[in-house]
Amino acid sequence: MAKQLEEKFGFDSEARTQALKTATYAVMHLVVAMAVAYALSGSWKIALGIGLIEPAVQTVAYTLHERVWKRAAARRGQLDEGSQGEAPRPLPADLSGDIRPATG
């Protein structure tokens, strides 16, 4: 079935994983939003309303956010490979991950 979806709709493994990740995030977000709304309002009707609207908007925002980060990473990769400017400056010792005990 996965092969048929890939052929028919162009879904590759990464796209399926991203869709599943987004769907599971939406369910988790729905539960959390409803629980917080109920705790604040004491009304299950208000909690249900907020719980359905807010995660739907947030899920779209999350998907767009992921795409922006993916594009930014791709652009950084292109700049790193094709850049002819000055070489990147090294990080200071305290940020480079090289942790050494202080002496003296």
Protein backbone atom coordinates (compact mmCIF):
# COMPACT_ATOMS: atom_id res chain seq x y z
CA MET A 1 0.00 0.00 0.00
CA ALA A 2 2.87 2.39 0.79
CA LYS A 3 4.26 1.81 -2.70
CA GLN A 4 0.86 2.58 -4.24
CA LEU A 5 0.57 5.83 -2.26
CA GLU A 6 4.06 6.80 -3.31
CA GLU A 7 3.29 6.14 -6.97
CA LYS A 8 -0.16 7.76 -6.95
CA PHE A 9 0.50 10.82 -4.77
CA GLY A 10 4.28 11.13 -4.79
CA PHE A 11 4.59 10.42 -1.05
CA ASP A 12 8.06 9.27 -0.20
CA SER A 13 9.18 7.86 3.13
CA GLU A 14 10.14 11.28 4.48
CA ALA A 15 6.76 12.78 3.54
CA ARG A 16 4.88 9.92 5.24
CA THR A 17 6.99 10.32 8.36
CA GLN A 18 6.36 14.07 8.40
CA ALA A 19 2.61 13.54 7.98
CA LEU A 20 2.54 10.98 10.80
CA LYS A 21 4.62 13.26 13.02
CA THR A 22 2.21 16.14 12.37
CA ALA A 23 -0.86 13.98 13.06
CA THR A 24 0.46 12.60 16.36
CA TYR A 25 1.49 16.10 17.41
CA ALA A 26 -2.05 17.29 16.68
CA VAL A 27 -3.59 14.60 18.89
CA MET A 28 -1.19 15.32 21.73
CA HIS A 29 -1.80 19.03 21.40
CA LEU A 30 -5.59 18.50 21.46
CA VAL A 31 -5.40 16.62 24.74
CA VAL A 32 -3.10 19.17 26.37
CA ALA A 33 -5.13 22.17 25.15
CA MET A 34 -8.37 20.66 26.44
CA ALA A 35 -6.85 19.79 29.80
CA VAL A 36 -5.46 23.30 30.29
CA ALA A 37 -8.70 24.95 29.12
CA TYR A 38 -10.74 22.76 31.47
CA ALA A 39 -8.41 23.49 34.39
CA LEU A 40 -8.76 27.23 33.78
CA SER A 41 -12.47 27.39 32.95
CA GLY A 42 -14.01 24.44 34.78
CA SER A 43 -16.30 23.98 31.77
CA TRP A 44 -15.99 21.01 29.47
CA LYS A 45 -17.83 22.92 26.71
CA ILE A 46 -15.32 25.76 26.75
CA ALA A 47 -12.47 23.25 27.01
CA LEU A 48 -13.81 21.37 23.99
CA GLY A 49 -14.17 24.56 21.96
CA ILE A 50 -10.69 25.80 22.78
CA GLY A 51 -9.30 22.30 22.46
CA LEU A 52 -10.58 21.93 18.92
CA ILE A 53 -9.76 25.39 17.57
CA GLU A 54 -6.32 26.09 19.05
CA PRO A 55 -4.56 22.83 18.07
CA ALA A 56 -5.95 23.03 14.54
CA VAL A 57 -4.36 26.45 14.10
CA GLN A 58 -1.19 25.35 15.91
CA THR A 59 -0.82 22.26 13.70
CA VAL A 60 -0.80 24.39 10.57
CA ALA A 61 1.68 26.76 12.22
CA TYR A 62 3.89 23.82 13.21
CA THR A 63 3.96 22.46 9.66
CA LEU A 64 4.89 25.87 8.27
CA HIS A 65 7.54 26.27 10.97
CA GLU A 66 9.11 22.94 10.04
CA ARG A 67 9.22 23.92 6.36
CA VAL A 68 10.87 27.25 7.14
CA TRP A 69 13.56 25.52 9.20
CA LYS A 70 14.12 22.92 6.48
CA ARG A 71 14.51 25.63 3.83
CA ALA A 72 16.85 27.60 6.08
CA ALA A 73 18.99 24.50 6.61
CA ALA A 74 19.09 23.88 2.86
CA ARG A 75 20.12 27.47 2.20
CA ARG A 76 22.86 27.26 4.82
CA GLY A 77 24.10 24.11 3.11
CA GLN A 78 24.13 25.85 -0.26
CA LEU A 79 25.94 28.85 1.19
CA ASP A 80 28.51 26.64 2.90
CA GLU A 81 29.21 24.65 -0.28
CA GLY A 82 29.21 27.51 -2.74
CA SER A 83 30.43 30.41 -0.64
CA GLN A 84 33.53 32.19 -1.85
CA GLY A 85 33.65 34.73 0.92
CA GLU A 86 35.80 34.57 3.99
CA ALA A 87 36.09 31.34 5.94
CA PRO A 88 33.78 30.96 8.94
CA ARG A 89 35.27 32.21 12.17
CA PRO A 90 35.96 29.57 14.83
CA LEU A 91 33.84 29.57 17.95
CA PRO A 92 35.34 30.84 21.18
CA ALA A 93 36.75 28.06 23.34
CA ASP A 94 33.85 28.30 25.79
CA LEU A 95 31.29 27.67 22.99
CA SER A 96 33.12 25.14 20.86
CA GLY A 97 32.34 22.16 23.07
CA ASP A 98 35.99 21.75 24.04
CA ILE A 99 35.62 21.73 27.82
CA ARG A 100 38.79 21.59 29.80
CA PRO A 101 39.26 22.06 33.55
CA ALA A 102 40.63 25.40 34.62
CA THR A 103 44.24 25.31 35.72
CA GLY A 104 46.28 27.70 37.75
